[in-house]
Amino acid sequence: MTPDQTRKSISALLMQQGIEGSHVVVLHRPRSAVHRR
């Protein structure tokens, strides 16, 4: 599993639990997180 796949899996798991996974994205891609909102 590549780091990017792992990151997406963690993000998906957090969202499944009802927790916004945006903080995970922010750690790695602040600008992308801003554009997603």
N, C-alpha and C. Protein backbone atom coordinates (compact mmCIF):
# COMPACT_ATOMS: atom_id res chain seq x y z
N MET A 1 0.84 -1.21 0.00
CA MET A 1 0.00 0.00 0.00
C MET A 1 0.87 1.26 0.00
N THR A 2 0.59 2.16 -0.89
CA THR A 2 1.36 3.39 -0.94
C THR A 2 0.87 4.36 0.14
N PRO A 3 1.71 5.31 0.54
CA PRO A 3 1.30 6.30 1.56
C PRO A 3 0.02 7.02 1.15
N ASP A 4 -0.14 7.30 -0.14
CA ASP A 4 -1.32 8.02 -0.59
C ASP A 4 -2.57 7.17 -0.40
N GLN A 5 -2.47 5.88 -0.70
CA GLN A 5 -3.61 4.97 -0.51
C GLN A 5 -3.96 4.86 0.96
N THR A 6 -2.92 4.79 1.79
CA THR A 6 -3.14 4.70 3.23
C THR A 6 -3.87 5.94 3.73
N ARG A 7 -3.44 7.09 3.22
CA ARG A 7 -4.03 8.36 3.63
C ARG A 7 -5.51 8.40 3.26
N LYS A 8 -5.81 7.93 2.05
CA LYS A 8 -7.21 7.92 1.60
C LYS A 8 -8.04 6.95 2.42
N SER A 9 -7.44 5.82 2.78
CA SER A 9 -8.16 4.82 3.59
C SER A 9 -8.48 5.37 4.97
N ILE A 10 -7.51 6.05 5.56
CA ILE A 10 -7.72 6.64 6.89
C ILE A 10 -8.80 7.70 6.81
N SER A 11 -8.75 8.51 5.75
CA SER A 11 -9.74 9.57 5.56
C SER A 11 -11.13 8.96 5.43
N ALA A 12 -11.23 7.88 4.65
CA ALA A 12 -12.52 7.22 4.44
C ALA A 12 -13.04 6.64 5.75
N LEU A 13 -12.15 6.05 6.53
CA LEU A 13 -12.56 5.46 7.81
C LEU A 13 -13.09 6.54 8.76
N LEU A 14 -12.41 7.68 8.79
CA LEU A 14 -12.84 8.77 9.66
C LEU A 14 -14.22 9.26 9.25
N MET A 15 -14.44 9.39 7.94
CA MET A 15 -15.74 9.88 7.47
C MET A 15 -16.84 8.86 7.76
N GLN A 16 -16.50 7.56 7.68
CA GLN A 16 -17.47 6.52 7.98
C GLN A 16 -17.92 6.62 9.44
N GLN A 17 -17.01 7.05 10.29
CA GLN A 17 -17.32 7.16 11.72
C GLN A 17 -18.01 8.49 12.04
N GLY A 18 -18.28 9.28 10.99
CA GLY A 18 -18.96 10.55 11.20
C GLY A 18 -18.01 11.67 11.58
N ILE A 19 -16.72 11.44 11.42
CA ILE A 19 -15.73 12.47 11.75
C ILE A 19 -15.19 13.04 10.44
N GLU A 20 -15.18 14.34 10.31
CA GLU A 20 -14.64 14.94 9.09
C GLU A 20 -13.17 14.57 8.92
N GLY A 21 -12.79 14.06 7.76
CA GLY A 21 -11.41 13.67 7.52
C GLY A 21 -10.57 14.82 7.01
N SER A 22 -11.15 16.03 7.01
CA SER A 22 -10.44 17.18 6.45
C SER A 22 -9.14 17.47 7.19
N HIS A 23 -9.09 17.22 8.50
CA HIS A 23 -7.86 17.52 9.25
C HIS A 23 -6.70 16.65 8.77
N VAL A 24 -7.03 15.45 8.27
CA VAL A 24 -5.98 14.58 7.74
C VAL A 24 -5.44 15.17 6.44
N VAL A 25 -6.35 15.68 5.62
CA VAL A 25 -5.96 16.29 4.34
C VAL A 25 -5.16 17.57 4.59
N VAL A 26 -5.61 18.34 5.57
CA VAL A 26 -4.95 19.61 5.89
C VAL A 26 -3.48 19.40 6.23
N LEU A 27 -3.19 18.30 6.92
CA LEU A 27 -1.80 18.04 7.32
C LEU A 27 -0.89 17.89 6.10
N HIS A 28 -1.45 17.35 5.01
CA HIS A 28 -0.62 17.08 3.85
C HIS A 28 -0.85 18.06 2.69
N ARG A 29 -2.12 18.51 2.53
CA ARG A 29 -2.42 19.41 1.41
C ARG A 29 -3.35 20.53 1.87
N PRO A 30 -2.83 21.54 2.54
CA PRO A 30 -3.65 22.64 3.06
C PRO A 30 -4.47 23.31 1.96
N ARG A 31 -3.84 23.58 0.81
CA ARG A 31 -4.55 24.32 -0.25
C ARG A 31 -5.69 23.50 -0.81
N SER A 32 -5.49 22.19 -0.99
CA SER A 32 -6.55 21.34 -1.52
C SER A 32 -7.75 21.33 -0.57
N ALA A 33 -7.46 21.30 0.72
CA ALA A 33 -8.53 21.28 1.71
C ALA A 33 -9.36 22.56 1.63
N VAL A 34 -8.67 23.67 1.41
CA VAL A 34 -9.37 24.96 1.32
C VAL A 34 -10.27 24.97 0.10
N HIS A 35 -9.78 24.44 -1.01
CA HIS A 35 -10.56 24.45 -2.25
C HIS A 35 -11.75 23.49 -2.18
N ARG A 36 -11.61 22.44 -1.38
CA ARG A 36 -12.68 21.44 -1.28
C ARG A 36 -13.89 21.99 -0.54
N ARG A 37 -13.66 22.94 0.34
CA ARG A 37 -14.76 23.46 1.15
C ARG A 37 -15.65 24.38 0.33
